Amino acid sequence: MKIHTTVLSRLTLIAAALSLAACSQRSAPVQSALPAPAALVSGGQIATVRIGADVTEAALRSAAPGTQIIAFHPESGYALLSVPGTLKAASLSGQGLQALGVNAQGVTLEVDQELEVLNDTSAEGLADGLGATSWANGATSWANGATSWAGGNTFMQAKDWASTQEYWSLINLQAAHRLVPELGRGVKVAVIDTGIDLNHPLLRGRIDTVGAWDYVGGDATPQEELPVTGVKKYGHGTAVSGVVLQIAPNAEILPLRVLNPAGRGPMSRVLQAVDRAVASGARVINLSLGSDTDSAALNAMISAAIAKGVVVVNSSGNSGTEGMVYPAQNLTTGKFTVNSGLLGIGSVDMKGMKSFFSTYSTAMSLTAPGEKVVTSYPDSRLAYASGTSFAAPAVSGAVALAMSTGAADLRPATIAANLRLTATPSTDATYKSKMGQGVLNVGSFVSRYR
């Protein structure tokens, strides 16, 4: 959700300033092979319209003039419309939609709310001047997995390398990599976030530039950008992507930038991104963001994605209180079952105890380490990242590992069940009953598929 980082190796003030300034400049847009998404008018409402399988997109446009189509899925029985604030909502139940067989009960309206990398003061906050600028001995990727992290012990200080190995040990990662030498190959993980550093040496070569899109900048180059003042949530998406690839080094990241440098963006962009992720062949969607308000539109999109075999992983929130952010909170409402394929992930420390900032719930799926996780940070640097934002992508990476085995049963429901069944039981006596089935055990999980 938010990001808290600790310096691995400090830059001089001059070097830091030059590096940050360089990364704040956008690269030239690349050409996407997919159609450019529509630029939506924000500040209005979103309509979830229940339609029949025979309804055409042209007919829907004609029936709801003045709206924009966010997603059109008659095969799944729905379409999503962006309704400008200047358009009277009552017009959506007019004769046009009625002619398509849609009555007033077939239209659900909601505010185009803002989602965010949650700004709870109890966790995560981004500092500048972090990371390593020297990549000794050609350390360029997480290739070959945890057993050979591109010579990691040569470009980190000893204490940082020890911290990384402690992290791997807690989630049983090295055993997982021995069992699954594919290391996530052939599996695309959509990171719907602030964008990523497209040139980071630990990410380069593992990015889907065909499906990538920047909904903030309106082009096919979802490069993270510095805000005008401060660093805000700069580096969030890069750090999330780094965790995914640390778990599944051969997976492919599909970066979809929906959040501005302050870590905020309208729901309509997130809906577009989920739709694009599925259309681009993503098999895992990582949502390290959330809201305190439910969304019928997002629920419809997630349900449709799961029906197509996609696992959706959501961080639980950083308020330290009971309950989770939406959409994960819907695991408590019954809109999604515990083994539906939507996962709500909390955070634990390196001893397996609940992170002080992590939310908790009896309906939580499981937890993963989310404190001081070493991962990638813009400008070819590294950072320690803390928050449930960085617990979720560990689970996304684990799912990618399992999917790369090509096992017979990779249905989202089966994957969700196996993640929970193989989790290491929690040792936290206070929160044990409200932190899911335990801590992610990647080795035990993938053993179900090998």
Protein backbone atom coordinates (compact mmCIF):
# COMPACT_ATOMS: atom_id res chain seq x y z
CA MET A 1 0.00 0.00 0.00
CA LYS A 2 2.39 2.80 1.08
CA ILE A 3 6.10 2.12 1.03
CA HIS A 4 8.63 2.46 3.80
CA THR A 5 12.23 2.16 2.76
CA THR A 6 15.56 2.11 4.48
CA VAL A 7 18.86 3.03 2.85
CA LEU A 8 20.96 0.13 1.61
CA SER A 9 23.82 2.30 0.45
CA ARG A 10 23.65 6.10 0.50
CA LEU A 11 24.35 8.31 -2.45
CA THR A 12 26.01 11.67 -2.19
CA LEU A 13 23.53 14.56 -2.35
CA ILE A 14 24.73 15.52 -5.81
CA ALA A 15 24.56 11.98 -7.19
CA ALA A 16 21.13 11.46 -5.71
CA ALA A 17 19.82 14.68 -7.19
CA LEU A 18 21.17 13.85 -10.66
CA SER A 19 19.80 10.32 -10.52
CA LEU A 20 16.33 11.38 -9.41
CA ALA A 21 16.18 14.13 -11.99
CA ALA A 22 17.11 11.69 -14.74
CA CYS A 23 14.41 9.19 -13.79
CA SER A 24 11.76 11.86 -13.53
CA GLN A 25 12.00 12.40 -17.27
CA ARG A 26 9.67 10.20 -19.31
CA SER A 27 11.07 7.87 -21.93
CA ALA A 28 9.75 8.15 -25.47
CA PRO A 29 6.45 6.25 -25.73
CA VAL A 30 6.62 2.79 -27.27
CA GLN A 31 3.98 1.48 -29.66
CA SER A 32 1.51 -0.95 -28.11
CA ALA A 33 0.08 -3.73 -30.24
CA LEU A 34 -3.24 -3.47 -28.38
CA PRO A 35 -5.77 -0.71 -29.01
CA ALA A 36 -5.18 2.45 -26.99
CA PRO A 37 -7.70 2.61 -24.13
CA ALA A 38 -10.17 5.46 -24.16
CA ALA A 39 -9.27 8.50 -22.08
CA LEU A 40 -12.16 8.68 -19.63
CA VAL A 41 -13.74 11.81 -18.19
CA SER A 42 -13.19 11.60 -14.43
CA GLY A 43 -15.37 12.97 -11.67
CA GLY A 44 -18.56 11.24 -12.72
CA GLN A 45 -20.11 7.86 -12.01
CA ILE A 46 -19.63 4.28 -13.09
CA ALA A 47 -22.58 2.20 -14.23
CA THR A 48 -22.57 -1.59 -14.11
CA VAL A 49 -25.15 -2.63 -16.70
CA ARG A 50 -26.45 -6.19 -16.88
CA ILE A 51 -26.82 -7.09 -20.54
CA GLY A 52 -27.66 -10.15 -22.58
CA ALA A 53 -25.17 -12.10 -24.67
CA ASP A 54 -26.76 -10.79 -27.89
CA VAL A 55 -26.19 -7.09 -27.13
CA THR A 56 -23.64 -5.42 -29.38
CA GLU A 57 -21.25 -2.64 -28.42
CA ALA A 58 -22.75 -0.37 -31.06
CA ALA A 59 -26.24 -0.96 -29.67
CA LEU A 60 -25.07 -0.11 -26.16
CA ARG A 61 -23.44 3.11 -27.33
CA SER A 62 -26.62 4.10 -29.08
CA ALA A 63 -28.74 3.23 -26.04
CA ALA A 64 -26.59 5.23 -23.61
CA PRO A 65 -25.47 8.38 -25.46
CA GLY A 66 -22.97 10.58 -23.67
CA THR A 67 -21.38 7.69 -21.79
CA GLN A 68 -18.08 5.92 -22.44
CA ILE A 69 -17.62 2.17 -22.39
CA ILE A 70 -15.03 1.07 -19.82
CA ALA A 71 -15.47 -2.66 -20.40
CA PHE A 72 -17.86 -4.64 -22.61
CA HIS A 73 -18.45 -8.31 -21.77
CA PRO A 74 -21.84 -9.60 -22.91
CA GLU A 75 -20.47 -13.14 -22.64
CA SER A 76 -20.18 -12.50 -18.90
CA GLY A 77 -23.47 -10.61 -18.75
CA TYR A 78 -22.28 -7.08 -18.05
CA ALA A 79 -20.79 -3.85 -19.37
CA LEU A 80 -19.26 -0.95 -17.47
CA LEU A 81 -19.95 2.63 -18.46
CA SER A 82 -18.29 5.89 -17.46
CA VAL A 83 -21.08 8.40 -16.83
CA PRO A 84 -19.98 12.07 -16.84
CA GLY A 85 -21.19 14.25 -14.01
CA THR A 86 -23.07 16.40 -16.54
CA LEU A 87 -25.23 13.45 -17.60
CA LYS A 88 -28.31 12.76 -15.54
CA ALA A 89 -28.14 9.25 -14.15
CA ALA A 90 -31.87 8.84 -14.70
CA SER A 91 -31.26 8.77 -18.45
CA LEU A 92 -29.59 5.38 -18.08
CA SER A 93 -32.93 3.77 -17.30
CA GLY A 94 -34.57 5.36 -20.31
CA GLN A 95 -36.09 3.77 -23.35
CA GLY A 96 -32.75 3.06 -25.04
CA LEU A 97 -31.54 0.62 -22.40
CA GLN A 98 -35.03 -0.79 -21.96
CA ALA A 99 -34.96 -1.71 -25.64
CA LEU A 100 -31.89 -3.83 -24.87
CA GLY A 101 -33.79 -5.66 -22.15
CA VAL A 102 -32.21 -3.66 -19.31
CA ASN A 103 -34.55 -2.45 -16.57
CA ALA A 104 -33.83 -0.17 -13.63
CA GLN A 105 -32.68 -3.13 -11.54
CA GLY A 106 -30.14 -3.98 -14.22
CA VAL A 107 -28.14 -0.78 -13.68
CA THR A 108 -25.94 -0.18 -10.63
CA LEU A 109 -24.47 3.30 -10.24
CA GLU A 110 -21.51 4.28 -8.09
CA VAL A 111 -19.20 7.25 -7.73
CA ASP A 112 -15.95 7.01 -9.69
CA GLN A 113 -14.10 6.84 -6.39
CA GLU A 114 -10.39 7.24 -5.88
CA LEU A 115 -8.26 4.23 -5.03
CA GLU A 116 -4.87 4.66 -3.47
CA VAL A 117 -1.73 3.30 -2.01
CA LEU A 118 -3.22 3.83 1.43
CA ASN A 119 -1.68 6.64 3.48
CA ASP A 120 -1.91 5.23 6.98
CA THR A 121 0.65 6.81 9.25
CA SER A 122 1.41 3.52 10.97
CA ALA A 123 3.33 2.06 8.04
CA GLU A 124 5.22 2.87 4.91
CA GLY A 125 6.54 6.20 3.80
CA LEU A 126 9.05 6.85 1.08
CA ALA A 127 12.45 8.40 1.72
CA ASP A 128 14.80 9.69 -0.94
CA GLY A 129 18.45 8.90 -1.54
CA LEU A 130 18.22 5.13 -1.22
CA GLY A 131 19.69 2.14 -2.84
CA ALA A 132 22.72 0.71 -4.53
CA THR A 133 24.19 2.36 -7.61
CA SER A 134 27.02 -0.13 -8.16
CA TRP A 135 26.07 -3.48 -9.69
CA ALA A 136 29.26 -5.41 -9.18
CA ASN A 137 30.17 -8.47 -11.24
CA GLY A 138 27.40 -7.99 -13.77
CA ALA A 139 24.46 -8.35 -11.42
CA THR A 140 21.63 -7.64 -13.82
CA SER A 141 18.66 -9.83 -12.89
CA TRP A 142 17.14 -12.32 -10.49
CA ALA A 143 17.80 -15.04 -13.06
CA ASN A 144 18.37 -18.58 -11.77
CA GLY A 145 16.34 -17.94 -8.67
CA ALA A 146 17.21 -17.59 -5.02
CA THR A 147 20.12 -20.00 -5.18
CA SER A 148 22.01 -17.62 -7.44
CA TRP A 149 20.58 -14.13 -7.16
CA ALA A 150 22.96 -12.80 -9.80
CA GLY A 151 25.80 -12.71 -7.28
CA GLY A 152 23.68 -10.83 -4.75
CA ASN A 153 26.29 -11.11 -2.04
CA THR A 154 28.70 -9.15 -4.21
CA PHE A 155 26.57 -6.03 -4.63
CA MET A 156 25.02 -5.87 -1.16
CA GLN A 157 26.50 -5.26 2.19
CA ALA A 158 26.77 -8.43 4.26
CA LYS A 159 23.89 -7.47 6.59
CA ASP A 160 21.59 -6.80 3.64
CA TRP A 161 22.48 -10.09 1.98
CA ALA A 162 21.79 -11.86 5.28
CA SER A 163 18.40 -10.12 5.50
CA THR A 164 17.52 -11.29 2.01
CA GLN A 165 18.46 -14.88 2.84
CA GLU A 166 16.38 -14.70 6.02
CA TYR A 167 13.41 -13.64 3.92
CA TRP A 168 13.89 -16.52 1.50
CA SER A 169 14.21 -18.95 4.38
CA LEU A 170 10.99 -17.79 6.05
CA ILE A 171 8.94 -18.46 2.91
CA ASN A 172 10.91 -21.61 1.92
CA LEU A 173 11.81 -20.06 -1.41
CA GLN A 174 14.96 -21.99 -2.26
CA ALA A 175 13.11 -25.31 -2.01
CA ALA A 176 10.45 -23.89 -4.33
CA HIS A 177 13.03 -22.92 -6.92
CA ARG A 178 14.54 -26.39 -6.86
CA LEU A 179 11.11 -27.92 -7.43
CA VAL A 180 10.13 -25.50 -10.20
CA PRO A 181 13.13 -24.76 -12.44
CA GLU A 182 10.76 -22.96 -14.83
CA LEU A 183 10.76 -20.15 -12.24
CA GLY A 184 7.52 -18.68 -13.56
CA ARG A 185 8.40 -18.85 -17.24
CA GLY A 186 5.42 -18.24 -19.51
CA VAL A 187 3.29 -16.62 -16.80
CA LYS A 188 2.33 -12.96 -16.98
CA VAL A 189 1.70 -11.02 -13.77
CA ALA A 190 -0.13 -7.70 -14.13
CA VAL A 191 1.06 -5.05 -11.67
CA ILE A 192 -1.66 -2.39 -11.50
CA ASP A 193 0.13 0.36 -9.65
CA THR A 194 2.23 3.54 -10.01
CA GLY A 195 4.15 2.23 -13.02
CA ILE A 196 7.67 0.84 -12.89
CA ASP A 197 11.24 1.76 -13.73
CA LEU A 198 11.32 0.21 -17.20
CA ASN A 199 15.12 0.34 -17.30
CA HIS A 200 15.91 -1.21 -13.92
CA PRO A 201 18.58 -3.94 -14.35
CA LEU A 202 16.64 -6.34 -12.12
CA LEU A 203 13.45 -5.91 -14.17
CA ARG A 204 14.76 -5.42 -17.68
CA GLY A 205 13.96 -8.32 -20.00
CA ARG A 206 10.99 -9.37 -17.85
CA ILE A 207 8.54 -6.63 -18.89
CA ASP A 208 5.63 -7.01 -21.31
CA THR A 209 5.97 -3.86 -23.40
CA VAL A 210 3.19 -4.93 -25.79
CA GLY A 211 0.36 -4.86 -23.29
CA ALA A 212 1.84 -2.17 -21.01
CA TRP A 213 -0.11 1.07 -20.67
CA ASP A 214 0.07 4.32 -18.74
CA TYR A 215 -3.46 5.48 -17.89
CA VAL A 216 -2.05 8.57 -16.18
CA GLY A 217 0.08 9.78 -19.07
CA GLY A 218 -2.08 8.31 -21.83
CA ASP A 219 0.64 6.35 -23.62
CA ALA A 220 2.29 2.93 -23.73
CA THR A 221 5.20 3.85 -21.46
CA PRO A 222 4.21 3.27 -17.80
CA GLN A 223 7.42 4.71 -16.36
CA GLU A 224 7.24 5.86 -12.75
CA GLU A 225 7.42 9.63 -12.41
CA LEU A 226 8.52 11.86 -9.57
CA PRO A 227 5.95 14.32 -8.29
CA VAL A 228 6.66 18.03 -8.48
CA THR A 229 7.51 18.12 -4.77
CA GLY A 230 8.67 15.24 -2.59
CA VAL A 231 8.82 11.58 -3.54
CA LYS A 232 5.28 10.65 -2.40
CA LYS A 233 4.75 7.05 -3.63
CA TYR A 234 7.59 7.12 -6.13
CA GLY A 235 9.03 3.63 -6.49
CA HIS A 236 5.97 1.75 -5.24
CA GLY A 237 5.25 -0.17 -8.46
CA THR A 238 8.95 -0.83 -9.05
CA ALA A 239 9.29 -2.33 -5.58
CA VAL A 240 6.14 -4.45 -6.00
CA SER A 241 7.43 -5.78 -9.35
CA GLY A 242 10.78 -6.60 -7.79
CA VAL A 243 9.14 -8.78 -5.15
CA VAL A 244 7.18 -10.70 -7.81
CA LEU A 245 10.34 -11.39 -9.78
CA GLN A 246 12.34 -12.32 -6.73
CA ILE A 247 9.83 -15.14 -6.14
CA ALA A 248 9.32 -16.02 -9.83
CA PRO A 249 12.42 -14.75 -11.69
CA ASN A 250 11.26 -15.86 -15.15
CA ALA A 251 7.74 -14.47 -14.92
CA GLU A 252 6.74 -11.53 -17.09
CA ILE A 253 5.55 -8.27 -15.54
CA LEU A 254 2.71 -6.42 -17.26
CA PRO A 255 2.94 -2.85 -15.89
CA LEU A 256 -0.31 -0.89 -15.93
CA ARG A 257 0.05 2.57 -14.44
CA VAL A 258 -3.20 3.79 -12.88
CA LEU A 259 -1.88 5.77 -9.91
CA ASN A 260 -0.29 9.20 -10.07
CA PRO A 261 2.95 10.02 -8.20
CA ALA A 262 0.90 10.69 -5.07
CA GLY A 263 -0.33 7.08 -5.24
CA ARG A 264 -3.92 7.87 -6.23
CA GLY A 265 -6.14 7.20 -9.21
CA PRO A 266 -9.84 6.88 -10.11
CA MET A 267 -11.61 3.53 -10.05
CA SER A 268 -12.39 3.84 -13.77
CA ARG A 269 -8.67 3.57 -14.58
CA VAL A 270 -8.30 0.49 -12.40
CA LEU A 271 -11.26 -1.11 -14.16
CA GLN A 272 -9.70 -0.39 -17.54
CA ALA A 273 -6.43 -1.88 -16.35
CA VAL A 274 -8.03 -5.08 -15.07
CA ASP A 275 -9.79 -5.45 -18.41
CA ARG A 276 -6.54 -4.90 -20.31
CA ALA A 277 -4.66 -7.31 -18.05
CA VAL A 278 -7.06 -10.14 -18.86
CA ALA A 279 -7.07 -9.27 -22.58
CA SER A 280 -3.25 -9.29 -22.56
CA GLY A 281 -3.10 -12.81 -21.16
CA ALA A 282 -2.17 -12.04 -17.55
CA ARG A 283 -2.78 -15.03 -15.30
CA VAL A 284 -2.18 -13.15 -12.06
CA ILE A 285 -3.28 -9.61 -11.17
CA ASN A 286 -1.55 -7.87 -8.26
CA LEU A 287 -3.51 -5.06 -6.61
CA SER A 288 -1.34 -3.43 -3.95
CA LEU A 289 -3.95 -0.72 -3.54
CA GLY A 290 -7.43 -0.46 -2.15
CA SER A 291 -10.38 1.53 -0.92
CA ASP A 292 -12.61 1.81 2.12
CA THR A 293 -15.64 1.69 -0.19
CA ASP A 294 -17.00 -1.31 -2.06
CA SER A 295 -17.41 -1.25 -5.84
CA ALA A 296 -19.95 -3.29 -7.79
CA ALA A 297 -18.01 -2.55 -10.97
CA LEU A 298 -14.70 -3.85 -9.62
CA ASN A 299 -16.44 -6.91 -8.19
CA ALA A 300 -17.88 -7.67 -11.62
CA MET A 301 -14.47 -7.31 -13.25
CA ILE A 302 -12.74 -9.53 -10.67
CA SER A 303 -15.44 -12.20 -10.96
CA ALA A 304 -15.07 -12.22 -14.75
CA ALA A 305 -11.26 -12.41 -14.48
CA ILE A 306 -11.43 -15.33 -12.06
CA ALA A 307 -13.89 -17.10 -14.37
CA LYS A 308 -11.22 -16.87 -17.08
CA GLY A 309 -8.59 -18.49 -14.84
CA VAL A 310 -6.95 -15.37 -13.42
CA VAL A 311 -5.93 -15.17 -9.74
CA VAL A 312 -6.37 -11.72 -8.15
CA VAL A 313 -4.14 -10.82 -5.19
CA ASN A 314 -4.98 -7.81 -3.00
CA SER A 315 -3.00 -6.37 -0.10
CA SER A 316 -5.11 -6.14 3.06
CA GLY A 317 -4.30 -2.62 4.27
CA ASN A 318 -1.98 -0.83 6.67
CA SER A 319 -4.20 0.73 9.32
CA GLY A 320 -3.35 -1.97 11.86
CA THR A 321 -7.05 -2.39 12.59
CA GLU A 322 -9.52 -5.23 12.06
CA GLY A 323 -10.93 -5.53 8.57
CA MET A 324 -9.39 -5.26 5.12
CA VAL A 325 -9.57 -2.77 2.29
CA TYR A 326 -11.79 -3.48 -0.68
CA PRO A 327 -11.82 -5.59 -2.74
CA ALA A 328 -10.28 -8.02 -0.19
CA GLN A 329 -12.90 -7.01 2.38
CA ASN A 330 -15.47 -8.78 0.23
CA LEU A 331 -14.05 -12.06 1.49
CA THR A 332 -15.91 -11.15 4.69
CA THR A 333 -19.18 -10.21 2.99
CA GLY A 334 -19.69 -13.40 1.03
CA LYS A 335 -19.41 -11.69 -2.36
CA PHE A 336 -16.25 -13.77 -2.81
CA THR A 337 -15.69 -17.08 -1.07
CA VAL A 338 -12.45 -17.91 0.70
CA ASN A 339 -11.35 -20.11 -2.21
CA SER A 340 -12.82 -18.00 -4.99
CA GLY A 341 -9.52 -16.88 -6.50
CA LEU A 342 -9.51 -13.44 -4.84
CA LEU A 343 -6.86 -13.38 -2.12
CA GLY A 344 -6.50 -10.92 0.76
CA ILE A 345 -2.91 -10.82 2.02
CA GLY A 346 -1.67 -9.44 5.35
CA SER A 347 1.88 -8.81 6.53
CA VAL A 348 4.11 -10.47 9.11
CA ASP A 349 7.62 -9.67 10.30
CA MET A 350 10.62 -11.94 9.81
CA LYS A 351 9.59 -13.95 12.86
CA GLY A 352 6.13 -14.61 11.49
CA MET A 353 4.37 -12.23 13.87
CA LYS A 354 1.73 -9.77 12.65
CA SER A 355 3.26 -6.55 11.43
CA PHE A 356 2.12 -3.71 13.65
CA PHE A 357 0.65 -1.93 10.62
CA SER A 358 -1.10 -4.91 9.01
CA THR A 359 -4.87 -5.15 9.11
CA TYR A 360 -6.34 -8.48 10.22
CA SER A 361 -9.55 -10.41 9.64
CA THR A 362 -11.03 -13.85 10.16
CA ALA A 363 -11.55 -13.94 6.38
CA MET A 364 -7.93 -13.07 5.48
CA SER A 365 -6.45 -15.64 3.08
CA LEU A 366 -2.90 -15.80 4.39
CA THR A 367 0.10 -13.61 5.17
CA ALA A 368 3.59 -13.07 3.78
CA PRO A 369 6.62 -11.15 5.05
CA GLY A 370 6.06 -7.43 4.49
CA GLU A 371 8.70 -5.77 6.64
CA LYS A 372 12.06 -4.61 5.32
CA VAL A 373 11.88 -6.71 2.17
CA VAL A 374 14.85 -6.01 -0.10
CA THR A 375 13.58 -5.19 -3.58
CA SER A 376 14.10 -3.00 -6.63
CA TYR A 377 13.77 0.78 -6.55
CA PRO A 378 13.97 3.33 -9.42
CA ASP A 379 17.27 4.52 -10.83
CA SER A 380 18.80 1.02 -10.72
CA ARG A 381 18.74 1.01 -6.95
CA LEU A 382 17.58 -1.27 -4.14
CA ALA A 383 15.46 -0.51 -1.12
CA TYR A 384 13.99 -2.05 1.99
CA ALA A 385 10.22 -1.92 1.57
CA SER A 386 7.57 -2.41 4.25
CA GLY A 387 3.79 -2.69 4.04
CA THR A 388 1.12 -5.15 3.00
CA SER A 389 1.81 -3.83 -0.52
CA PHE A 390 4.95 -5.97 -0.49
CA ALA A 391 3.41 -9.04 1.14
CA ALA A 392 0.85 -9.38 -1.67
CA PRO A 393 3.35 -9.64 -4.58
CA ALA A 394 5.17 -12.49 -2.83
CA VAL A 395 1.93 -14.45 -3.14
CA SER A 396 1.52 -13.29 -6.74
CA GLY A 397 5.00 -14.60 -7.48
CA ALA A 398 4.23 -17.92 -5.78
CA VAL A 399 1.12 -18.30 -7.95
CA ALA A 400 3.23 -17.61 -11.05
CA LEU A 401 5.66 -20.35 -10.01
CA ALA A 402 2.84 -22.87 -9.65
CA MET A 403 1.27 -21.88 -12.97
CA SER A 404 4.57 -22.28 -14.80
CA THR A 405 4.58 -26.01 -13.97
CA GLY A 406 1.73 -26.54 -16.42
CA ALA A 407 -0.02 -28.78 -13.89
CA ALA A 408 -3.44 -30.17 -14.76
CA ASP A 409 -5.47 -28.20 -12.24
CA LEU A 410 -4.52 -24.53 -12.12
CA ARG A 411 -7.98 -23.19 -11.46
CA PRO A 412 -7.99 -20.09 -9.22
CA ALA A 413 -10.12 -21.91 -6.62
CA THR A 414 -7.62 -24.77 -6.39
CA ILE A 415 -4.67 -22.39 -6.19
CA ALA A 416 -6.35 -20.39 -3.40
CA ALA A 417 -7.10 -23.56 -1.48
CA ASN A 418 -3.55 -24.90 -1.85
CA LEU A 419 -2.00 -21.62 -0.74
CA ARG A 420 -4.03 -21.75 2.44
CA LEU A 421 -3.53 -25.48 3.06
CA THR A 422 0.25 -25.25 2.73
CA ALA A 423 0.78 -22.04 4.73
CA THR A 424 3.04 -22.30 7.78
CA PRO A 425 0.77 -22.04 10.86
CA SER A 426 1.02 -18.71 12.61
CA THR A 427 2.90 -18.50 15.90
CA ASP A 428 1.23 -15.21 16.79
CA ALA A 429 -1.02 -16.18 19.69
CA THR A 430 -2.81 -12.83 19.70
CA TYR A 431 -3.79 -12.65 16.03
CA LYS A 432 -3.50 -16.27 14.89
CA SER A 433 -7.23 -16.66 14.23
CA LYS A 434 -7.39 -13.45 12.21
CA MET A 435 -4.34 -13.77 9.93
CA GLY A 436 -5.58 -16.41 7.53
CA GLN A 437 -4.22 -19.94 7.49
CA GLY A 438 -0.66 -18.82 8.22
CA VAL A 439 2.47 -17.56 6.47
CA LEU A 440 3.18 -18.19 2.80
CA ASN A 441 5.29 -21.34 2.34
CA VAL A 442 6.27 -21.27 -1.32
CA GLY A 443 8.10 -24.60 -1.21
CA SER A 444 5.18 -26.50 0.28
CA PHE A 445 2.73 -24.74 -2.03
CA VAL A 446 4.49 -25.60 -5.29
CA SER A 447 5.05 -29.18 -4.10
CA ARG A 448 1.32 -29.62 -4.76
CA TYR A 449 2.13 -29.14 -8.43
CA ARG A 450 5.33 -31.21 -8.67
